[in-house]
C-alpha atoms as a PDB file:
ATOM      1  CA  MET A   1      72.351 -68.025-212.032  1.00  0.00           C
ATOM      2  CA  LEU A   2      75.466 -70.169-211.736  1.00  0.00           C
ATOM      3  CA  ASN A   3      77.452 -67.074-210.769  1.00  0.00           C
ATOM      4  CA  GLN A   4      75.114 -66.541-207.817  1.00  0.00           C
ATOM      5  CA  ALA A   5      74.880 -70.221-206.761  1.00  0.00           C
ATOM      6  CA  ARG A   6      78.648 -70.869-206.731  1.00  0.00           C
ATOM      7  CA  PRO A   7      79.492 -68.406-203.894  1.00  0.00           C
ATOM      8  CA  ALA A   8      76.531 -69.669-201.860  1.00  0.00           C
ATOM      9  CA  ILE A   9      77.611 -73.315-202.227  1.00  0.00           C
ATOM     10  CA  VAL A  10      81.276 -72.542-201.511  1.00  0.00           C
ATOM     11  CA  SER A  11      80.307 -70.475-198.460  1.00  0.00           C
ATOM     12  CA  MET A  12      78.038 -73.240-197.166  1.00  0.00           C
ATOM     13  CA  LEU A  13      80.775 -75.880-197.553  1.00  0.00           C
ATOM     14  CA  LEU A  14      83.428 -73.629-196.021  1.00  0.00           C
ATOM     15  CA  PHE A  15      81.332 -72.710-192.986  1.00  0.00           C
ATOM     16  CA  SER A  16      80.182 -76.323-192.572  1.00  0.00           C
ATOM     17  CA  LEU A  17      83.797 -77.469-192.401  1.00  0.00           C
ATOM     18  CA  LEU A  18      84.854 -74.583-190.206  1.00  0.00           C
ATOM     19  CA  LEU A  19      81.954 -74.517-187.736  1.00  0.00           C
ATOM     20  CA  GLY A  20      80.902 -78.158-187.975  1.00  0.00           C
ATOM     21  CA  GLY A  21      84.356 -79.733-187.937  1.00  0.00           C
ATOM     22  CA  ALA A  22      87.323 -77.528-187.128  1.00  0.00           C
ATOM     23  CA  TYR A  23      85.792 -75.457-184.326  1.00  0.00           C
ATOM     24  CA  PRO A  24      84.325 -78.442-182.390  1.00  0.00           C
ATOM     25  CA  ALA A  25      87.618 -80.322-182.781  1.00  0.00           C
ATOM     26  CA  VAL A  26      89.672 -77.401-181.423  1.00  0.00           C
ATOM     27  CA  VAL A  27      87.288 -76.838-178.498  1.00  0.00           C
ATOM     28  CA  THR A  28      87.235 -80.570-177.650  1.00  0.00           C
ATOM     29  CA  LEU A  29      91.044 -80.838-177.751  1.00  0.00           C
ATOM     30  CA  ALA A  30      91.490 -77.626-175.732  1.00  0.00           C
ATOM     31  CA  GLY A  31      88.937 -78.756-173.152  1.00  0.00           C
ATOM     32  CA  GLY A  32      90.644 -82.125-172.772  1.00  0.00           C
ATOM     33  CA  ALA A  33      94.066 -80.512-172.397  1.00  0.00           C
ATOM     34  CA  LEU A  34      93.060 -77.673-170.052  1.00  0.00           C
ATOM     35  CA  PHE A  35      90.348 -79.417-168.024  1.00  0.00           C
ATOM     36  CA  PRO A  36      90.856 -83.192-168.348  1.00  0.00           C
ATOM     37  CA  GLY A  37      88.712 -84.156-165.342  1.00  0.00           C
ATOM     38  CA  GLN A  38      85.748 -82.085-166.395  1.00  0.00           C
ATOM     39  CA  ALA A  39      86.080 -83.116-170.050  1.00  0.00           C
ATOM     40  CA  GLU A  40      85.845 -86.766-168.995  1.00  0.00           C
ATOM     41  CA  GLY A  41      82.626 -86.187-167.012  1.00  0.00           C
ATOM     42  CA  SER A  42      84.033 -85.242-163.572  1.00  0.00           C
ATOM     43  CA  LEU A  43      84.315 -88.928-162.699  1.00  0.00           C
ATOM     44  CA  VAL A  44      85.001 -89.970-159.109  1.00  0.00           C
ATOM     45  CA  ARG A  45      87.121 -93.007-158.320  1.00  0.00           C
ATOM     46  CA  ASN A  46      87.317 -94.966-155.094  1.00  0.00           C
ATOM     47  CA  ALA A  47      90.529 -95.998-153.331  1.00  0.00           C
ATOM     48  CA  GLN A  48      90.892 -98.951-155.734  1.00  0.00           C
ATOM     49  CA  GLY A  49      90.698 -96.644-158.763  1.00  0.00           C
ATOM     50  CA  GLU A  50      87.230 -97.832-159.836  1.00  0.00           C
ATOM     51  CA  VAL A  51      84.757 -95.263-161.132  1.00  0.00           C
ATOM     52  CA  VAL A  52      81.968 -94.931-158.569  1.00  0.00           C
ATOM     53  CA  GLY A  53      80.126 -91.930-159.972  1.00  0.00           C
ATOM     54  CA  SER A  54      80.410 -88.325-161.031  1.00  0.00           C
ATOM     55  CA  THR A  55      80.459 -85.131-159.019  1.00  0.00           C
ATOM     56  CA  LEU A  56      77.811 -83.795-161.425  1.00  0.00           C
ATOM     57  CA  ILE A  57      75.099 -86.470-161.124  1.00  0.00           C
ATOM     58  CA  GLY A  58      73.449 -87.708-157.953  1.00  0.00           C
ATOM     59  CA  GLN A  59      72.922 -91.373-157.221  1.00  0.00           C
ATOM     60  CA  VAL A  60      70.734 -93.445-154.952  1.00  0.00           C
ATOM     61  CA  THR A  61      72.239 -93.915-151.495  1.00  0.00           C
ATOM     62  CA  THR A  62      70.115 -95.651-148.873  1.00  0.00           C
ATOM     63  CA  GLY A  63      72.400 -97.194-146.251  1.00  0.00           C
ATOM     64  CA  PRO A  64      71.993 -95.568-142.802  1.00  0.00           C
ATOM     65  CA  GLN A  65      75.786 -95.108-142.621  1.00  0.00           C
ATOM     66  CA  TYR A  66      75.725 -92.723-145.598  1.00  0.00           C
ATOM     67  CA  LEU A  67      74.666 -89.203-146.337  1.00  0.00           C
ATOM     68  CA  TRP A  68      71.417 -89.337-148.288  1.00  0.00           C
ATOM     69  CA  PRO A  69      70.764 -87.176-151.372  1.00  0.00           C
ATOM     70  CA  ARG A  70      67.707 -85.086-152.077  1.00  0.00           C
ATOM     71  CA  PRO A  71      64.783 -86.883-153.715  1.00  0.00           C
ATOM     72  CA  SER A  72      64.898 -87.386-157.476  1.00  0.00           C
ATOM     73  CA  ALA A  73      62.069 -87.109-159.989  1.00  0.00           C
ATOM     74  CA  ALA A  74      64.315 -88.519-162.736  1.00  0.00           C
ATOM     75  CA  GLY A  75      62.913 -91.927-163.428  1.00  0.00           C
ATOM     76  CA  ASP A  76      63.976 -94.762-161.163  1.00  0.00           C
ATOM     77  CA  GLY A  77      66.483 -92.877-159.035  1.00  0.00           C
ATOM     78  CA  TYR A  78      68.738 -90.383-160.804  1.00  0.00           C
ATOM     79  CA  ASN A  79      68.203 -91.850-164.264  1.00  0.00           C
ATOM     80  CA  ALA A  80      69.721 -89.265-166.609  1.00  0.00           C
ATOM     81  CA  ALA A  81      67.397 -90.407-169.399  1.00  0.00           C
ATOM     82  CA  GLY A  82      64.477 -89.207-167.291  1.00  0.00           C
ATOM     83  CA  SER A  83      66.058 -85.936-166.244  1.00  0.00           C
ATOM     84  CA  SER A  84      63.416 -83.351-165.428  1.00  0.00           C
ATOM     85  CA  GLY A  85      61.326 -82.024-162.618  1.00  0.00           C
ATOM     86  CA  SER A  86      58.072 -83.708-161.695  1.00  0.00           C
ATOM     87  CA  ASN A  87      55.986 -80.742-162.917  1.00  0.00           C
ATOM     88  CA  LEU A  88      53.539 -81.464-160.109  1.00  0.00           C
ATOM     89  CA  GLY A  89      51.815 -78.400-158.708  1.00  0.00           C
ATOM     90  CA  PRO A  90      51.613 -77.630-154.979  1.00  0.00           C
ATOM     91  CA  LEU A  91      48.007 -78.888-154.803  1.00  0.00           C
ATOM     92  CA  ASN A  92      48.717 -82.165-156.619  1.00  0.00           C
ATOM     93  CA  GLN A  93      47.914 -85.087-154.318  1.00  0.00           C
ATOM     94  CA  ASP A  94      50.818 -87.200-155.655  1.00  0.00           C
ATOM     95  CA  LEU A  95      53.272 -84.464-154.660  1.00  0.00           C
ATOM     96  CA  ILE A  96      51.619 -84.006-151.265  1.00  0.00           C
ATOM     97  CA  ASP A  97      51.794 -87.767-150.612  1.00  0.00           C
ATOM     98  CA  ARG A  98      55.461 -88.008-151.666  1.00  0.00           C
ATOM     99  CA  VAL A  99      56.532 -85.046-149.558  1.00  0.00           C
ATOM    100  CA  SER A 100      54.548 -86.362-146.565  1.00  0.00           C
ATOM    101  CA  SER A 101      56.238 -89.744-146.972  1.00  0.00           C
ATOM    102  CA  ASP A 102      59.681 -88.105-147.148  1.00  0.00           C
ATOM    103  CA  VAL A 103      58.957 -86.022-144.041  1.00  0.00           C
ATOM    104  CA  ALA A 104      57.863 -89.172-142.155  1.00  0.00           C
ATOM    105  CA  ALA A 105      61.069 -90.978-143.201  1.00  0.00           C
ATOM    106  CA  ILE A 106      63.204 -88.067-141.989  1.00  0.00           C
ATOM    107  CA  ARG A 107      61.321 -87.889-138.692  1.00  0.00           C
ATOM    108  CA  GLU A 108      62.337 -91.511-138.027  1.00  0.00           C
ATOM    109  CA  TYR A 109      65.982 -90.454-137.614  1.00  0.00           C
ATOM    110  CA  ALA A 110      65.528 -86.755-136.836  1.00  0.00           C
ATOM    111  CA  PRO A 111      62.410 -86.401-134.668  1.00  0.00           C
ATOM    112  CA  THR A 112      62.969 -82.698-133.996  1.00  0.00           C
ATOM    113  CA  GLY A 113      64.296 -79.667-135.831  1.00  0.00           C
ATOM    114  CA  ASP A 114      63.432 -77.950-139.063  1.00  0.00           C
ATOM    115  CA  ILE A 115      63.477 -79.965-142.258  1.00  0.00           C
ATOM    116  CA  PRO A 116      65.202 -78.016-145.050  1.00  0.00           C
ATOM    117  CA  PRO A 117      63.328 -77.815-148.375  1.00  0.00           C
ATOM    118  CA  ASP A 118      65.931 -79.819-150.309  1.00  0.00           C
ATOM    119  CA  ALA A 119      65.296 -82.804-148.030  1.00  0.00           C
ATOM    120  CA  VAL A 120      61.790 -83.265-149.436  1.00  0.00           C
ATOM    121  CA  THR A 121      61.775 -81.533-152.831  1.00  0.00           C
ATOM    122  CA  THR A 122      63.372 -82.577-156.085  1.00  0.00           C
ATOM    123  CA  SER A 123      65.651 -80.366-158.157  1.00  0.00           C
ATOM    124  CA  GLY A 124      64.710 -79.070-161.597  1.00  0.00           C
ATOM    125  CA  SER A 125      66.836 -81.726-163.313  1.00  0.00           C
ATOM    126  CA  GLY A 126      66.197 -84.471-160.790  1.00  0.00           C
ATOM    127  CA  LEU A 127      69.945 -85.240-160.872  1.00  0.00           C
ATOM    128  CA  ASP A 128      71.282 -82.852-158.216  1.00  0.00           C
ATOM    129  CA  PRO A 129      74.417 -84.380-156.607  1.00  0.00           C
ATOM    130  CA  GLU A 130      74.496 -81.877-153.730  1.00  0.00           C
ATOM    131  CA  ILE A 131      72.458 -81.067-150.655  1.00  0.00           C
ATOM    132  CA  SER A 132      72.372 -78.132-148.282  1.00  0.00           C
ATOM    133  CA  PRO A 133      74.594 -78.128-145.185  1.00  0.00           C
ATOM    134  CA  GLN A 134      71.369 -78.018-143.148  1.00  0.00           C
ATOM    135  CA  PHE A 135      70.128 -81.293-144.657  1.00  0.00           C
ATOM    136  CA  ALA A 136      73.562 -82.846-144.114  1.00  0.00           C
ATOM    137  CA  ALA A 137      73.565 -81.712-140.463  1.00  0.00           C
ATOM    138  CA  LEU A 138      70.147 -83.300-139.975  1.00  0.00           C
ATOM    139  CA  GLN A 139      71.683 -86.678-140.897  1.00  0.00           C
ATOM    140  CA  VAL A 140      74.763 -86.536-138.637  1.00  0.00           C
ATOM    141  CA  ASP A 141      73.339 -88.490-135.687  1.00  0.00           C
ATOM    142  CA  ARG A 142      72.006 -91.299-137.914  1.00  0.00           C
ATOM    143  CA  ILE A 143      75.355 -91.661-139.711  1.00  0.00           C
ATOM    144  CA  ALA A 144      77.352 -91.530-136.460  1.00  0.00           C
ATOM    145  CA  LEU A 145      75.170 -94.218-134.872  1.00  0.00           C
ATOM    146  CA  ALA A 146      75.361 -96.510-137.925  1.00  0.00           C
ATOM    147  CA  ARG A 147      79.140 -96.147-138.177  1.00  0.00           C
ATOM    148  CA  GLY A 148      79.941 -96.154-134.481  1.00  0.00           C
ATOM    149  CA  MET A 149      81.600 -92.740-134.794  1.00  0.00           C
ATOM    150  CA  GLU A 150      81.347 -89.593-132.745  1.00  0.00           C
ATOM    151  CA  ALA A 151      78.825 -87.134-134.145  1.00  0.00           C
ATOM    152  CA  SER A 152      81.499 -84.439-134.016  1.00  0.00           C
ATOM    153  CA  ALA A 153      83.747 -86.518-136.314  1.00  0.00           C
ATOM    154  CA  VAL A 154      80.927 -86.947-138.845  1.00  0.00           C
ATOM    155  CA  SER A 155      80.174 -83.208-138.664  1.00  0.00           C
ATOM    156  CA  ALA A 156      83.849 -82.431-139.267  1.00  0.00           C
ATOM    157  CA  ILE A 157      83.917 -84.626-142.394  1.00  0.00           C
ATOM    158  CA  ILE A 158      80.781 -82.919-143.701  1.00  0.00           C
ATOM    159  CA  ALA A 159      82.288 -79.496-142.980  1.00  0.00           C
ATOM    160  CA  GLU A 160      85.486 -80.435-144.847  1.00  0.00           C
ATOM    161  CA  ASN A 161      83.384 -81.372-147.874  1.00  0.00           C
ATOM    162  CA  THR A 162      81.136 -78.315-147.863  1.00  0.00           C
ATOM    163  CA  SER A 163      81.690 -75.914-150.740  1.00  0.00           C
ATOM    164  CA  ALA A 164      81.009 -72.230-150.228  1.00  0.00           C
ATOM    165  CA  ALA A 165      79.025 -70.083-152.617  1.00  0.00           C
ATOM    166  CA  LEU A 166      81.009 -69.318-155.766  1.00  0.00           C
ATOM    167  CA  LEU A 167      82.918 -66.039-155.282  1.00  0.00           C
ATOM    168  CA  GLY A 168      81.136 -65.754-151.955  1.00  0.00           C
ATOM    169  CA  PHE A 169      77.784 -64.711-153.405  1.00  0.00           C
ATOM    170  CA  ILE A 170      76.821 -66.912-156.371  1.00  0.00           C
ATOM    171  CA  GLY A 171      74.684 -69.833-155.301  1.00  0.00           C
ATOM    172  CA  GLN A 172      74.574 -71.330-151.833  1.00  0.00           C
ATOM    173  CA  PRO A 173      76.868 -73.482-149.703  1.00  0.00           C
ATOM    174  CA  ARG A 174      76.498 -77.130-150.679  1.00  0.00           C
ATOM    175  CA  VAL A 175      77.676 -80.621-149.788  1.00  0.00           C
ATOM    176  CA  ASN A 176      78.464 -83.145-152.534  1.00  0.00           C
ATOM    177  CA  VAL A 177      76.901 -86.404-151.325  1.00  0.00           C
ATOM    178  CA  LEU A 178      79.198 -88.824-153.196  1.00  0.00           C
ATOM    179  CA  ILE A 179      82.444 -87.088-152.194  1.00  0.00           C
ATOM    180  CA  THR A 180      81.326 -86.876-148.563  1.00  0.00           C
ATOM    181  CA  ASN A 181      80.324 -90.555-148.491  1.00  0.00           C
ATOM    182  CA  LEU A 182      83.737 -91.547-149.846  1.00  0.00           C
ATOM    183  CA  ALA A 183      85.359 -89.381-147.157  1.00  0.00           C
ATOM    184  CA  LEU A 184      83.223 -91.114-144.518  1.00  0.00           C
ATOM    185  CA  ASP A 185      84.365 -94.509-145.831  1.00  0.00           C
ATOM    186  CA  ALA A 186      87.989 -93.376-145.762  1.00  0.00           C
ATOM    187  CA  ALA A 187      87.659 -92.162-142.164  1.00  0.00           C
ATOM    188  CA  GLN A 188      85.756 -95.202-140.923  1.00  0.00           C
ATOM    189  CA  PRO A 189      85.895 -98.097-143.407  1.00  0.00           C
ATOM    190  CA  GLN A 190      83.147-100.128-141.724  1.00  0.00           C
ATOM    191  CA  ALA A 191      80.910 -99.350-144.710  1.00  0.00           C
ATOM    192  CA  THR A 192      82.732 -99.607-148.021  1.00  0.00           C
ATOM    193  CA  THR A 193      80.055 -99.526-150.710  1.00  0.00           C
ATOM    194  CA  THR A 194      77.227 -97.181-151.491  1.00  0.00           C
ATOM    195  CA  GLU A 195      73.811 -98.722-151.923  1.00  0.00           C
END
C-alpha cells in the first residue's frame, strides 16, 4: 500500500507547488512586466497624480457639468461588493418605477429625442464604466450649458474619447465616462471634481 500511496502524495505535492505557487507567480510577474497599468487595476489619475478611479469600474457622477453614467444596480452606486444585475423582470413594478423615474430625469435636460436603452437600464454587473455614444450625445447640451462651453466643443471631446468596436466588429462603440469627464475638466477647468 505504501508503494501506491508514495507516488500519489509526491504527485500531489509537486502539482500543488507547480500549479498553486510557481505558475501563479510567473503569470503575476509577467502580467506586471508586460501590462503594468492593467495589472494594477487600470487606475486613472488626475492632473495632480491622485487616483480618481479605474477605467474598468463606473462611479457615481451627478454634477450637471459632467457626463453621467448608466444606472447601477450594484448596491449604493457602483459598489463592487454588490456587483450584479437587479434580476427584476420586465413586469416588476420596482423596475417600472425606476425606469420611469430615470426617463423623467432625462427629459428634464433632453425634452426630445430617443432615449437609448443604456440611459435607463443597468448592466449585468452594475459596474459598467462606459455608455453608448447616443447617451453621451443626449447629454451634450446640459454639459455645455453648465460649463459655459459651446455644444460643438463638448461633442468634440466626447468624440475624441469614443472607442470603436474591437477589431471593428466585436462589441459596440462606447464612451468611458471617467476619462471623458477628466478631458472635460482639462478643456474647461470650471468644474474640477466629480461628485
